[in-house]
Amino acid sequence: MREAGERSCGDIDFPIAKSTVSHHTRTLREAGIVRTRIQGTQRLLSIREDDLEARFPGVLNAVLASYEQTEGQ
C-alpha cells in the first residue's frame, strides 16, 4: 500500500470477507494509521506517513521493513 499511495478499498485484495476488511480499515482509520478520502463513490485509503513519522519516529519504517522481509519467505 505504501508504494501505491492511495488505493481504493475495492483494489485491496485480501483472502478474507469484505466485512472483515471494512472492520480493519475502520479500526486503522480511527487509530490514525490511514487516511480515507472520498471521491465520488470510492473511498481512497493512504497511510498517514508524515503524521506517524512525526509522532513515532522510525516505527513505520521498521514495521514495513519487517513485513517486507517476512513476505519473501
PDB file of N, CA and C in Angstrom:
ATOM      1  N   MET A   1       0.823  -1.193   0.000  1.00  0.00           N
ATOM      2  CA  MET A   1       0.000   0.000   0.000  1.00  0.00           C
ATOM      3  C   MET A   1       0.867   1.256   0.000  1.00  0.00           C
ATOM      4  N   ARG A   2       1.992   1.175   0.666  1.00  0.00           N
ATOM      5  CA  ARG A   2       2.854   2.342   0.755  1.00  0.00           C
ATOM      6  C   ARG A   2       3.343   2.792  -0.614  1.00  0.00           C
ATOM      7  N   GLU A   3       3.773   1.849  -1.449  1.00  0.00           N
ATOM      8  CA  GLU A   3       4.277   2.192  -2.774  1.00  0.00           C
ATOM      9  C   GLU A   3       3.162   2.700  -3.681  1.00  0.00           C
ATOM     10  N   ALA A   4       1.971   2.211  -3.489  1.00  0.00           N
ATOM     11  CA  ALA A   4       0.856   2.554  -4.360  1.00  0.00           C
ATOM     12  C   ALA A   4       0.256   3.916  -4.030  1.00  0.00           C
ATOM     13  N   GLY A   5       0.618   4.489  -2.899  1.00  0.00           N
ATOM     14  CA  GLY A   5      -0.003   5.749  -2.495  1.00  0.00           C
ATOM     15  C   GLY A   5      -1.438   5.491  -2.102  1.00  0.00           C
ATOM     16  N   GLU A   6      -2.363   6.215  -2.704  1.00  0.00           N
ATOM     17  CA  GLU A   6      -3.785   5.992  -2.423  1.00  0.00           C
ATOM     18  C   GLU A   6      -4.293   4.784  -3.191  1.00  0.00           C
ATOM     19  N   ARG A   7      -5.120   4.011  -2.536  1.00  0.00           N
ATOM     20  CA  ARG A   7      -5.763   2.863  -3.185  1.00  0.00           C
ATOM     21  C   ARG A   7      -7.218   2.836  -2.754  1.00  0.00           C
ATOM     22  N   SER A   8      -8.062   2.433  -3.668  1.00  0.00           N
ATOM     23  CA  SER A   8      -9.465   2.312  -3.301  1.00  0.00           C
ATOM     24  C   SER A   8      -9.659   1.041  -2.493  1.00  0.00           C
ATOM     25  N   CYS A   9     -10.672   1.035  -1.678  1.00  0.00           N
ATOM     26  CA  CYS A   9     -10.954  -0.132  -0.841  1.00  0.00           C
ATOM     27  C   CYS A   9     -11.145  -1.379  -1.695  1.00  0.00           C
ATOM     28  N   GLY A  10     -11.762  -1.243  -2.862  1.00  0.00           N
ATOM     29  CA  GLY A  10     -12.014  -2.378  -3.737  1.00  0.00           C
ATOM     30  C   GLY A  10     -10.759  -2.936  -4.383  1.00  0.00           C
ATOM     31  N   ASP A  11      -9.687  -2.135  -4.442  1.00  0.00           N
ATOM     32  CA  ASP A  11      -8.431  -2.586  -5.051  1.00  0.00           C
ATOM     33  C   ASP A  11      -7.585  -3.430  -4.111  1.00  0.00           C
ATOM     34  N   ILE A  12      -7.902  -3.394  -2.838  1.00  0.00           N
ATOM     35  CA  ILE A  12      -7.125  -4.146  -1.863  1.00  0.00           C
ATOM     36  C   ILE A  12      -7.658  -5.569  -1.847  1.00  0.00           C
ATOM     37  N   ASP A  13      -6.800  -6.502  -2.251  1.00  0.00           N
ATOM     38  CA  ASP A  13      -7.212  -7.895  -2.386  1.00  0.00           C
ATOM     39  C   ASP A  13      -6.690  -8.714  -1.218  1.00  0.00           C
ATOM     40  N   PHE A  14      -7.588  -9.037  -0.295  1.00  0.00           N
ATOM     41  CA  PHE A  14      -7.259  -9.873   0.844  1.00  0.00           C
ATOM     42  C   PHE A  14      -8.099 -11.137   0.780  1.00  0.00           C
ATOM     43  N   PRO A  15      -7.558 -12.254   1.243  1.00  0.00           N
ATOM     44  CA  PRO A  15      -8.325 -13.506   1.225  1.00  0.00           C
ATOM     45  C   PRO A  15      -9.276 -13.619   2.421  1.00  0.00           C
ATOM     46  N   ILE A  16      -9.973 -12.522   2.724  1.00  0.00           N
ATOM     47  CA  ILE A  16     -10.941 -12.513   3.826  1.00  0.00           C
ATOM     48  C   ILE A  16     -12.207 -11.819   3.360  1.00  0.00           C
ATOM     49  N   ALA A  17     -13.256 -11.942   4.133  1.00  0.00           N
ATOM     50  CA  ALA A  17     -14.548 -11.343   3.782  1.00  0.00           C
ATOM     51  C   ALA A  17     -14.450  -9.825   3.725  1.00  0.00           C
ATOM     52  N   LYS A  18     -15.233  -9.215   2.831  1.00  0.00           N
ATOM     53  CA  LYS A  18     -15.228  -7.753   2.694  1.00  0.00           C
ATOM     54  C   LYS A  18     -15.607  -7.064   3.995  1.00  0.00           C
ATOM     55  N   SER A  19     -16.514  -7.670   4.756  1.00  0.00           N
ATOM     56  CA  SER A  19     -16.911  -7.065   6.028  1.00  0.00           C
ATOM     57  C   SER A  19     -15.742  -7.016   7.005  1.00  0.00           C
ATOM     58  N   THR A  20     -14.873  -8.010   6.957  1.00  0.00           N
ATOM     59  CA  THR A  20     -13.687  -8.027   7.815  1.00  0.00           C
ATOM     60  C   THR A  20     -12.705  -6.951   7.375  1.00  0.00           C
ATOM     61  N   VAL A  21     -12.527  -6.784   6.062  1.00  0.00           N
ATOM     62  CA  VAL A  21     -11.664  -5.719   5.542  1.00  0.00           C
ATOM     63  C   VAL A  21     -12.210  -4.363   5.978  1.00  0.00           C
ATOM     64  N   SER A  22     -13.515  -4.170   5.872  1.00  0.00           N
ATOM     65  CA  SER A  22     -14.141  -2.910   6.284  1.00  0.00           C
ATOM     66  C   SER A  22     -13.896  -2.642   7.763  1.00  0.00           C
ATOM     67  N   HIS A  23     -14.030  -3.660   8.571  1.00  0.00           N
ATOM     68  CA  HIS A  23     -13.794  -3.507  10.011  1.00  0.00           C
ATOM     69  C   HIS A  23     -12.352  -3.082  10.283  1.00  0.00           C
ATOM     70  N   HIS A  24     -11.402  -3.751   9.642  1.00  0.00           N
ATOM     71  CA  HIS A  24      -9.996  -3.432   9.875  1.00  0.00           C
ATOM     72  C   HIS A  24      -9.629  -2.046   9.356  1.00  0.00           C
ATOM     73  N   THR A  25     -10.149  -1.665   8.191  1.00  0.00           N
ATOM     74  CA  THR A  25      -9.831  -0.327   7.677  1.00  0.00           C
ATOM     75  C   THR A  25     -10.441   0.748   8.579  1.00  0.00           C
ATOM     76  N   ARG A  26     -11.627   0.487   9.118  1.00  0.00           N
ATOM     77  CA  ARG A  26     -12.224   1.443  10.058  1.00  0.00           C
ATOM     78  C   ARG A  26     -11.361   1.560  11.313  1.00  0.00           C
ATOM     79  N   THR A  27     -10.879   0.426  11.821  1.00  0.00           N
ATOM     80  CA  THR A  27     -10.028   0.432  13.006  1.00  0.00           C
ATOM     81  C   THR A  27      -8.732   1.196  12.744  1.00  0.00           C
ATOM     82  N   LEU A  28      -8.121   0.972  11.575  1.00  0.00           N
ATOM     83  CA  LEU A  28      -6.901   1.700  11.214  1.00  0.00           C
ATOM     84  C   LEU A  28      -7.164   3.195  11.069  1.00  0.00           C
ATOM     85  N   ARG A  29      -8.298   3.551  10.485  1.00  0.00           N
ATOM     86  CA  ARG A  29      -8.653   4.970  10.331  1.00  0.00           C
ATOM     87  C   ARG A  29      -8.857   5.618  11.701  1.00  0.00           C
ATOM     88  N   GLU A  30      -9.603   4.955  12.580  1.00  0.00           N
ATOM     89  CA  GLU A  30      -9.864   5.508  13.908  1.00  0.00           C
ATOM     90  C   GLU A  30      -8.595   5.615  14.747  1.00  0.00           C
ATOM     91  N   ALA A  31      -7.624   4.742  14.484  1.00  0.00           N
ATOM     92  CA  ALA A  31      -6.349   4.782  15.198  1.00  0.00           C
ATOM     93  C   ALA A  31      -5.399   5.830  14.628  1.00  0.00           C
ATOM     94  N   GLY A  32      -5.756   6.423  13.489  1.00  0.00           N
ATOM     95  CA  GLY A  32      -4.916   7.447  12.879  1.00  0.00           C
ATOM     96  C   GLY A  32      -3.817   6.894  11.992  1.00  0.00           C
ATOM     97  N   ILE A  33      -3.909   5.624  11.617  1.00  0.00           N
ATOM     98  CA  ILE A  33      -2.882   4.995  10.787  1.00  0.00           C
ATOM     99  C   ILE A  33      -3.106   5.302   9.308  1.00  0.00           C
ATOM    100  N   VAL A  34      -4.360   5.266   8.875  1.00  0.00           N
ATOM    101  CA  VAL A  34      -4.682   5.541   7.473  1.00  0.00           C
ATOM    102  C   VAL A  34      -5.627   6.725   7.366  1.00  0.00           C
ATOM    103  N   ARG A  35      -5.598   7.333   6.207  1.00  0.00           N
ATOM    104  CA  ARG A  35      -6.482   8.463   5.870  1.00  0.00           C
ATOM    105  C   ARG A  35      -7.438   7.954   4.796  1.00  0.00           C
ATOM    106  N   THR A  36      -8.700   8.322   4.905  1.00  0.00           N
ATOM    107  CA  THR A  36      -9.695   7.963   3.903  1.00  0.00           C
ATOM    108  C   THR A  36     -10.168   9.235   3.217  1.00  0.00           C
ATOM    109  N   ARG A  37     -10.121   9.216   1.898  1.00  0.00           N
ATOM    110  CA  ARG A  37     -10.605  10.350   1.110  1.00  0.00           C
ATOM    111  C   ARG A  37     -11.702   9.824   0.190  1.00  0.00           C
ATOM    112  N   ILE A  38     -12.842  10.477   0.236  1.00  0.00           N
ATOM    113  CA  ILE A  38     -13.971  10.054  -0.589  1.00  0.00           C
ATOM    114  C   ILE A  38     -13.930  10.818  -1.903  1.00  0.00           C
ATOM    115  N   GLN A  39     -13.995  10.063  -2.991  1.00  0.00           N
ATOM    116  CA  GLN A  39     -14.031  10.648  -4.328  1.00  0.00           C
ATOM    117  C   GLN A  39     -15.167   9.959  -5.083  1.00  0.00           C
ATOM    118  N   GLY A  40     -16.257  10.671  -5.241  1.00  0.00           N
ATOM    119  CA  GLY A  40     -17.433  10.072  -5.872  1.00  0.00           C
ATOM    120  C   GLY A  40     -17.961   8.949  -5.011  1.00  0.00           C
ATOM    121  N   THR A  41     -18.005   7.746  -5.575  1.00  0.00           N
ATOM    122  CA  THR A  41     -18.484   6.591  -4.822  1.00  0.00           C
ATOM    123  C   THR A  41     -17.339   5.770  -4.247  1.00  0.00           C
ATOM    124  N   GLN A  42     -16.096   6.189  -4.472  1.00  0.00           N
ATOM    125  CA  GLN A  42     -14.939   5.441  -3.985  1.00  0.00           C
ATOM    126  C   GLN A  42     -14.408   6.025  -2.691  1.00  0.00           C
ATOM    127  N   ARG A  43     -13.847   5.154  -1.890  1.00  0.00           N
ATOM    128  CA  ARG A  43     -13.124   5.566  -0.693  1.00  0.00           C
ATOM    129  C   ARG A  43     -11.664   5.208  -0.932  1.00  0.00           C
ATOM    130  N   LEU A  44     -10.822   6.221  -0.927  1.00  0.00           N
ATOM    131  CA  LEU A  44      -9.391   6.027  -1.193  1.00  0.00           C
ATOM    132  C   LEU A  44      -8.629   6.044   0.122  1.00  0.00           C
ATOM    133  N   LEU A  45      -7.796   5.034   0.319  1.00  0.00           N
ATOM    134  CA  LEU A  45      -7.019   4.892   1.542  1.00  0.00           C
ATOM    135  C   LEU A  45      -5.557   5.214   1.285  1.00  0.00           C
ATOM    136  N   SER A  46      -4.913   5.833   2.259  1.00  0.00           N
ATOM    137  CA  SER A  46      -3.465   6.054   2.211  1.00  0.00           C
ATOM    138  C   SER A  46      -2.932   6.045   3.637  1.00  0.00           C
ATOM    139  N   ILE A  47      -1.681   5.636   3.771  1.00  0.00           N
ATOM    140  CA  ILE A  47      -1.031   5.618   5.078  1.00  0.00           C
ATOM    141  C   ILE A  47      -0.650   7.053   5.443  1.00  0.00           C
ATOM    142  N   ARG A  48      -0.872   7.444   6.675  1.00  0.00           N
ATOM    143  CA  ARG A  48      -0.541   8.795   7.150  1.00  0.00           C
ATOM    144  C   ARG A  48       0.931   8.831   7.573  1.00  0.00           C
ATOM    145  N   GLU A  49       1.813   8.684   6.583  1.00  0.00           N
ATOM    146  CA  GLU A  49       3.250   8.560   6.848  1.00  0.00           C
ATOM    147  C   GLU A  49       3.826   9.745   7.615  1.00  0.00           C
ATOM    148  N   ASP A  50       3.539  10.966   7.180  1.00  0.00           N
ATOM    149  CA  ASP A  50       4.121  12.146   7.831  1.00  0.00           C
ATOM    150  C   ASP A  50       3.677  12.259   9.288  1.00  0.00           C
ATOM    151  N   ASP A  51       2.394  12.040   9.525  1.00  0.00           N
ATOM    152  CA  ASP A  51       1.875  12.119  10.892  1.00  0.00           C
ATOM    153  C   ASP A  51       2.484  11.044  11.784  1.00  0.00           C
ATOM    154  N   LEU A  52       2.580   9.822  11.252  1.00  0.00           N
ATOM    155  CA  LEU A  52       3.153   8.730  12.040  1.00  0.00           C
ATOM    156  C   LEU A  52       4.632   8.948  12.312  1.00  0.00           C
ATOM    157  N   GLU A  53       5.365   9.431  11.318  1.00  0.00           N
ATOM    158  CA  GLU A  53       6.800   9.672  11.494  1.00  0.00           C
ATOM    159  C   GLU A  53       7.046  10.775  12.526  1.00  0.00           C
ATOM    160  N   ALA A  54       6.203  11.800  12.520  1.00  0.00           N
ATOM    161  CA  ALA A  54       6.358  12.884  13.491  1.00  0.00           C
ATOM    162  C   ALA A  54       6.082  12.398  14.914  1.00  0.00           C
ATOM    163  N   ARG A  55       5.089  11.553  15.057  1.00  0.00           N
ATOM    164  CA  ARG A  55       4.702  11.093  16.391  1.00  0.00           C
ATOM    165  C   ARG A  55       5.547   9.928  16.887  1.00  0.00           C
ATOM    166  N   PHE A  56       5.875   9.003  15.980  1.00  0.00           N
ATOM    167  CA  PHE A  56       6.633   7.802  16.333  1.00  0.00           C
ATOM    168  C   PHE A  56       7.784   7.613  15.347  1.00  0.00           C
ATOM    169  N   PRO A  57       8.862   8.384  15.484  1.00  0.00           N
ATOM    170  CA  PRO A  57       9.963   8.334  14.516  1.00  0.00           C
ATOM    171  C   PRO A  57      10.524   6.918  14.323  1.00  0.00           C
ATOM    172  N   GLY A  58      10.568   6.482  13.056  1.00  0.00           N
ATOM    173  CA  GLY A  58      11.167   5.213  12.700  1.00  0.00           C
ATOM    174  C   GLY A  58      10.275   3.992  12.826  1.00  0.00           C
ATOM    175  N   VAL A  59       9.145   4.102  13.500  1.00  0.00           N
ATOM    176  CA  VAL A  59       8.306   2.923  13.741  1.00  0.00           C
ATOM    177  C   VAL A  59       7.698   2.395  12.442  1.00  0.00           C
ATOM    178  N   LEU A  60       7.138   3.265  11.626  1.00  0.00           N
ATOM    179  CA  LEU A  60       6.511   2.814  10.387  1.00  0.00           C
ATOM    180  C   LEU A  60       7.529   2.120   9.484  1.00  0.00           C
ATOM    181  N   ASN A  61       8.710   2.697   9.345  1.00  0.00           N
ATOM    182  CA  ASN A  61       9.750   2.073   8.523  1.00  0.00           C
ATOM    183  C   ASN A  61      10.152   0.709   9.074  1.00  0.00           C
ATOM    184  N   ALA A  62      10.238   0.581  10.385  1.00  0.00           N
ATOM    185  CA  ALA A  62      10.609  -0.696  10.996  1.00  0.00           C
ATOM    186  C   ALA A  62       9.529  -1.746  10.757  1.00  0.00           C
ATOM    187  N   VAL A  63       8.271  -1.366  10.919  1.00  0.00           N
ATOM    188  CA  VAL A  63       7.170  -2.311  10.717  1.00  0.00           C
ATOM    189  C   VAL A  63       7.109  -2.759   9.263  1.00  0.00           C
ATOM    190  N   LEU A  64       7.196  -1.804   8.333  1.00  0.00           N
ATOM    191  CA  LEU A  64       7.119  -2.159   6.917  1.00  0.00           C
ATOM    192  C   LEU A  64       8.335  -2.960   6.454  1.00  0.00           C
ATOM    193  N   ALA A  65       9.510  -2.650   6.970  1.00  0.00           N
ATOM    194  CA  ALA A  65      10.709  -3.423   6.619  1.00  0.00           C
ATOM    195  C   ALA A  65      10.581  -4.858   7.126  1.00  0.00           C
ATOM    196  N   SER A  66      10.052  -5.024   8.327  1.00  0.00           N
ATOM    197  CA  SER A  66       9.846  -6.364   8.873  1.00  0.00           C
ATOM    198  C   SER A  66       8.829  -7.135   8.043  1.00  0.00           C
ATOM    199  N   TYR A  67       7.769  -6.461   7.635  1.00  0.00           N
ATOM    200  CA  TYR A  67       6.750  -7.107   6.803  1.00  0.00           C
ATOM    201  C   TYR A  67       7.343  -7.542   5.456  1.00  0.00           C
ATOM    202  N   GLU A  68       8.109  -6.646   4.830  1.00  0.00           N
ATOM    203  CA  GLU A  68       8.702  -6.970   3.533  1.00  0.00           C
ATOM    204  C   GLU A  68       9.691  -8.120   3.652  1.00  0.00           C
ATOM    205  N   GLN A  69      10.381  -8.214   4.772  1.00  0.00           N
ATOM    206  CA  GLN A  69      11.337  -9.293   4.989  1.00  0.00           C
ATOM    207  C   GLN A  69      10.606 -10.631   5.142  1.00  0.00           C
ATOM    208  N   THR A  70       9.505 -10.665   5.865  1.00  0.00           N
ATOM    209  CA  THR A  70       8.769 -11.909   6.068  1.00  0.00           C
ATOM    210  C   THR A  70       7.947 -12.287   4.830  1.00  0.00           C
ATOM    211  N   GLU A  71       7.593 -11.303   4.011  1.00  0.00           N
ATOM    212  CA  GLU A  71       6.795 -11.563   2.818  1.00  0.00           C
ATOM    213  C   GLU A  71       7.571 -12.433   1.826  1.00  0.00           C
ATOM    214  N   GLY A  72       8.872 -12.272   1.759  1.00  0.00           N
ATOM    215  CA  GLY A  72       9.695 -13.032   0.827  1.00  0.00           C
ATOM    216  C   GLY A  72       9.971 -14.462   1.271  1.00  0.00           C
ATOM    217  N   GLN A  73       9.628 -14.813   2.481  1.00  0.00           N
ATOM    218  CA  GLN A  73       9.912 -16.161   2.996  1.00  0.00           C
ATOM    219  C   GLN A  73       8.876 -17.153   2.576  1.00  0.00           C
TER     220      GLN A  73
END
